[in-house]
N, C-alpha and C. Protein backbone atom coordinates (compact mmCIF):
# COMPACT_ATOMS: atom_id res chain seq x y z
N MET A 1 -34.98 -0.21 14.80
CA MET A 1 -35.09 -1.27 15.56
C MET A 1 -33.46 -1.72 15.84
N PRO A 2 -32.98 -2.11 17.20
CA PRO A 2 -31.77 -2.45 17.52
C PRO A 2 -31.22 -3.86 16.52
N LEU A 3 -29.94 -3.75 16.71
CA LEU A 3 -29.23 -4.76 16.17
C LEU A 3 -28.42 -5.53 17.43
N TYR A 4 -28.84 -6.46 17.75
CA TYR A 4 -28.25 -7.27 18.91
C TYR A 4 -27.28 -8.20 18.35
N GLU A 5 -26.35 -8.53 19.24
CA GLU A 5 -25.23 -9.70 19.13
C GLU A 5 -25.18 -10.75 19.80
N TYR A 6 -25.15 -12.07 19.24
CA TYR A 6 -25.35 -13.29 19.84
C TYR A 6 -24.19 -14.28 19.78
N VAL A 7 -24.09 -14.95 20.72
CA VAL A 7 -23.08 -16.15 20.50
C VAL A 7 -23.27 -17.44 20.64
N CYS A 8 -23.13 -18.40 20.05
CA CYS A 8 -23.61 -19.94 20.04
C CYS A 8 -22.90 -20.37 21.37
N ASN A 9 -23.79 -21.03 22.13
CA ASN A 9 -23.54 -21.56 23.41
C ASN A 9 -22.61 -22.96 22.79
N GLU A 10 -22.75 -23.65 21.72
CA GLU A 10 -21.99 -24.92 21.43
C GLU A 10 -20.96 -24.66 20.23
N CYS A 11 -21.13 -23.72 19.25
CA CYS A 11 -19.86 -23.81 18.21
C CYS A 11 -19.41 -22.36 18.26
N GLY A 12 -19.78 -21.42 19.22
CA GLY A 12 -19.12 -20.30 19.23
C GLY A 12 -19.33 -19.28 18.33
N ASP A 13 -20.17 -19.44 17.17
CA ASP A 13 -20.42 -18.64 15.94
C ASP A 13 -20.96 -17.51 16.61
N ARG A 14 -20.67 -16.14 16.09
CA ARG A 14 -21.33 -15.02 16.29
C ARG A 14 -22.38 -14.40 15.42
N MET A 15 -23.31 -13.96 15.88
CA MET A 15 -24.34 -13.54 14.87
C MET A 15 -25.08 -12.00 15.43
N GLU A 16 -25.43 -11.42 14.41
CA GLU A 16 -26.56 -10.43 14.83
C GLU A 16 -27.74 -10.49 14.31
N VAL A 17 -28.53 -10.07 15.09
CA VAL A 17 -30.13 -10.07 14.92
C VAL A 17 -30.80 -8.85 15.05
N LEU A 18 -31.57 -8.45 14.09
CA LEU A 18 -32.27 -7.11 14.05
C LEU A 18 -33.50 -7.55 14.70
N ARG A 19 -33.84 -7.04 16.06
CA ARG A 19 -35.06 -7.09 16.44
C ARG A 19 -35.25 -6.03 17.49
N THR A 20 -36.84 -5.90 17.82
CA THR A 20 -37.13 -4.99 19.02
C THR A 20 -36.39 -4.91 20.07
N MET A 21 -36.63 -3.83 21.20
CA MET A 21 -36.23 -3.97 22.35
C MET A 21 -36.84 -5.10 23.10
N THR A 22 -38.18 -5.08 23.06
CA THR A 22 -39.08 -6.04 23.78
C THR A 22 -38.64 -7.29 23.38
N LYS A 23 -38.05 -7.70 22.40
CA LYS A 23 -37.99 -9.31 22.14
C LYS A 23 -36.31 -9.51 22.25
N SER A 24 -35.57 -8.43 22.74
CA SER A 24 -34.04 -8.77 22.81
C SER A 24 -33.31 -9.78 23.94
N ASP A 25 -34.46 -10.19 24.80
CA ASP A 25 -33.87 -11.33 25.62
C ASP A 25 -34.80 -12.55 25.41
N GLU A 26 -35.23 -12.69 24.37
CA GLU A 26 -36.03 -13.92 24.00
C GLU A 26 -35.19 -15.06 23.01
N ALA A 27 -35.43 -15.95 23.24
CA ALA A 27 -34.25 -17.36 22.88
C ALA A 27 -33.78 -17.00 21.28
N VAL A 28 -32.72 -17.31 20.96
CA VAL A 28 -32.18 -17.19 19.61
C VAL A 28 -31.29 -18.39 19.41
N THR A 29 -31.55 -19.01 18.27
CA THR A 29 -31.06 -20.25 17.52
C THR A 29 -29.75 -20.14 16.66
N CYS A 30 -28.65 -20.62 16.96
CA CYS A 30 -27.65 -20.59 15.86
C CYS A 30 -27.71 -20.88 14.62
N LEU A 31 -27.42 -19.97 13.70
CA LEU A 31 -27.95 -20.38 12.26
C LEU A 31 -26.84 -21.65 11.79
N SER A 32 -25.82 -21.77 12.37
CA SER A 32 -24.85 -22.88 12.09
C SER A 32 -25.27 -24.16 12.41
N CYS A 33 -25.64 -24.33 13.92
CA CYS A 33 -25.76 -25.68 14.41
C CYS A 33 -27.24 -25.88 15.23
N SER A 34 -27.90 -24.87 15.16
CA SER A 34 -29.30 -24.79 15.52
C SER A 34 -29.18 -24.91 17.25
N ALA A 35 -28.04 -24.76 17.89
CA ALA A 35 -27.90 -24.66 19.35
C ALA A 35 -28.53 -23.08 19.91
N PRO A 36 -28.55 -23.51 21.37
CA PRO A 36 -29.20 -22.11 22.01
C PRO A 36 -27.86 -20.82 21.89
N ALA A 37 -28.21 -19.83 21.58
CA ALA A 37 -27.26 -18.83 21.65
C ALA A 37 -27.80 -17.82 22.53
N ARG A 38 -26.57 -17.15 23.37
CA ARG A 38 -26.91 -16.05 24.12
C ARG A 38 -26.20 -14.50 23.80
N ARG A 39 -27.17 -13.74 24.20
CA ARG A 39 -26.72 -12.42 23.83
C ARG A 39 -25.84 -11.84 24.54
N VAL A 40 -24.78 -11.15 23.86
CA VAL A 40 -23.44 -10.41 24.54
C VAL A 40 -23.55 -9.07 24.30
N LEU A 41 -22.61 -8.28 25.01
CA LEU A 41 -22.27 -7.07 25.08
C LEU A 41 -21.83 -6.69 23.61
N SER A 42 -22.39 -5.87 22.90
CA SER A 42 -21.85 -5.35 21.36
C SER A 42 -21.00 -3.88 21.82
N VAL A 43 -19.86 -4.14 21.29
CA VAL A 43 -19.32 -2.68 21.27
C VAL A 43 -18.94 -1.73 19.81
N PHE A 44 -19.07 -0.65 20.10
CA PHE A 44 -18.96 0.02 18.71
C PHE A 44 -17.67 1.19 18.97
N ALA A 45 -17.10 1.77 17.88
CA ALA A 45 -16.46 2.78 18.14
C ALA A 45 -16.82 4.02 17.35
N SER A 46 -16.89 5.45 17.74
CA SER A 46 -17.17 6.50 17.27
C SER A 46 -16.27 7.53 17.38
N ARG A 47 -15.93 8.38 16.44
CA ARG A 47 -14.83 9.27 16.40
C ARG A 47 -15.65 10.54 16.04
N THR A 48 -15.55 11.51 16.94
CA THR A 48 -16.31 12.80 16.67
C THR A 48 -14.94 13.84 17.12
N LYS A 49 -15.24 15.24 16.55
CA LYS A 49 -14.42 16.33 16.56
C LYS A 49 -15.35 17.19 17.41
N ALA A 50 -14.58 17.90 18.34
CA ALA A 50 -15.63 19.02 19.45
C ALA A 50 -15.74 19.72 18.20
N GLY A 51 -17.09 20.32 18.58
CA GLY A 51 -17.51 21.63 17.67
C GLY A 51 -17.76 21.26 16.04
N ALA A 52 -17.69 20.36 15.87
CA ALA A 52 -18.03 19.63 14.31
C ALA A 52 -19.37 19.35 14.15
N GLY A 53 -20.33 19.88 14.27
CA GLY A 53 -21.76 19.45 14.05
C GLY A 53 -22.15 18.74 12.83
N THR A 54 -21.37 19.13 11.63
CA THR A 54 -21.74 18.70 10.47
C THR A 54 -20.65 18.20 9.64
N GLY A 55 -20.58 17.42 8.62
CA GLY A 55 -19.72 17.11 7.65
C GLY A 55 -18.92 15.67 8.30
N MET A 56 -18.07 15.04 7.44
CA MET A 56 -17.47 14.04 8.00
C MET A 56 -16.03 14.34 8.31
N ALA A 57 -15.51 13.56 9.36
CA ALA A 57 -14.22 13.83 9.91
C ALA A 57 -13.08 12.94 9.09
N SER A 58 -12.03 13.39 9.01
CA SER A 58 -10.97 12.52 8.41
C SER A 58 -9.92 12.17 9.42
N PRO A 59 -8.95 11.20 9.10
CA PRO A 59 -8.29 10.91 10.07
C PRO A 59 -6.84 11.92 10.26
N GLY A 60 -6.66 12.71 9.62
CA GLY A 60 -6.22 13.95 9.81
C GLY A 60 -6.55 14.89 11.08
N ASP A 61 -7.86 14.61 11.21
CA ASP A 61 -8.60 15.47 12.42
C ASP A 61 -7.95 15.24 13.80
N PHE A 62 -7.46 13.69 13.72
CA PHE A 62 -7.35 13.33 15.07
C PHE A 62 -6.00 12.61 15.31
N PRO A 63 -4.99 13.60 15.11
CA PRO A 63 -3.24 13.00 15.06
C PRO A 63 -3.12 12.22 16.25
N ASN A 64 -3.62 12.55 17.31
CA ASN A 64 -3.15 11.95 18.73
C ASN A 64 -4.30 10.62 18.96
N PHE A 65 -5.03 10.42 18.14
CA PHE A 65 -6.11 9.23 18.35
C PHE A 65 -5.44 7.91 18.32
N PRO A 66 -5.65 6.91 19.18
CA PRO A 66 -4.62 5.57 18.69
C PRO A 66 -5.48 4.83 17.91
N THR A 67 -4.55 4.12 16.96
CA THR A 67 -5.04 3.28 15.87
C THR A 67 -4.79 1.76 16.28
N PRO A 68 -5.50 0.82 15.55
CA PRO A 68 -5.51 -0.35 16.07
C PRO A 68 -3.88 -1.26 16.15
N SER A 69 -3.13 -0.36 15.67
CA SER A 69 -1.55 -0.86 15.71
C SER A 69 -0.90 -0.03 16.88
N THR A 70 -1.49 0.87 17.46
CA THR A 70 -0.89 1.32 18.57
C THR A 70 -1.13 0.66 19.77
N PRO A 71 -0.26 0.00 20.47
CA PRO A 71 -0.20 -0.71 21.94
C PRO A 71 -1.25 0.02 22.75
N GLY A 72 -2.02 -0.24 23.71
CA GLY A 72 -3.04 0.02 24.34
C GLY A 72 -4.08 0.96 23.70
N GLY A 73 -4.16 0.77 22.62
CA GLY A 73 -5.30 1.53 21.77
C GLY A 73 -6.48 1.54 22.41
N GLY A 74 -7.05 0.26 23.04
CA GLY A 74 -8.01 0.34 23.87
C GLY A 74 -9.46 -0.12 22.64
N PHE A 75 -9.13 -0.46 21.39
CA PHE A 75 -10.55 -0.48 20.44
C PHE A 75 -11.07 -1.74 20.97
N GLY A 76 -12.27 -1.59 20.79
CA GLY A 76 -13.09 -3.16 20.93
C GLY A 76 -13.41 -3.14 22.51
N GLY A 77 -13.26 -2.21 23.34
CA GLY A 77 -13.77 -2.64 24.54
C GLY A 77 -12.55 -1.86 25.63
N CYS A 78 -12.57 -2.52 26.87
CA CYS A 78 -12.01 -1.88 27.95
C CYS A 78 -10.50 -2.21 27.64
N GLY A 79 -9.80 -0.92 27.68
CA GLY A 79 -8.09 -0.90 27.41
C GLY A 79 -7.56 -1.42 28.69
N ALA A 80 -8.24 -2.26 29.38
CA ALA A 80 -7.63 -2.91 30.78
C ALA A 80 -6.76 -2.00 31.35
N GLY A 81 -7.10 -0.74 31.69
CA GLY A 81 -6.41 0.04 32.58
C GLY A 81 -5.52 1.08 31.63
N ALA A 82 -5.38 0.94 30.42
CA ALA A 82 -4.30 1.58 29.51
C ALA A 82 -4.89 2.92 29.09
N GLY A 83 -6.27 3.30 29.42
CA GLY A 83 -6.82 4.63 29.27
C GLY A 83 -7.48 4.37 28.18
N GLY A 84 -7.76 3.62 27.41
CA GLY A 84 -8.33 3.41 26.01
C GLY A 84 -9.94 3.30 26.20
N CYS A 85 -10.39 3.43 27.55
CA CYS A 85 -11.82 3.42 27.46
C CYS A 85 -12.48 4.16 28.62
N ALA A 86 -13.78 4.23 28.45
CA ALA A 86 -14.39 5.07 29.54
C ALA A 86 -14.61 4.69 30.73
N CYS A 87 -14.03 3.32 31.24
CA CYS A 87 -13.88 2.99 32.58
C CYS A 87 -12.91 3.04 33.15
N HIS A 88 -11.72 3.37 32.57
CA HIS A 88 -10.31 3.71 33.20
C HIS A 88 -9.83 5.04 33.14
């Protein structure tokens, strides 16, 4: 069952709701102020190593991978043309 992210229209609180895909567009009420909330795009990060089908990757496996402190790292979505995402 997918985890969907919602933002309150009134107070701006973010929440995650575990629900079936068929109910993903149904109304959600804010847990803080009971106002309506809207579903937003959730982003995630995944690091993989080519050819590594098993085992855990370590930071040393990706010496050139940007870190959150690297300018233009692109974490959390579009890198605004910095090359940190799939859309640029």
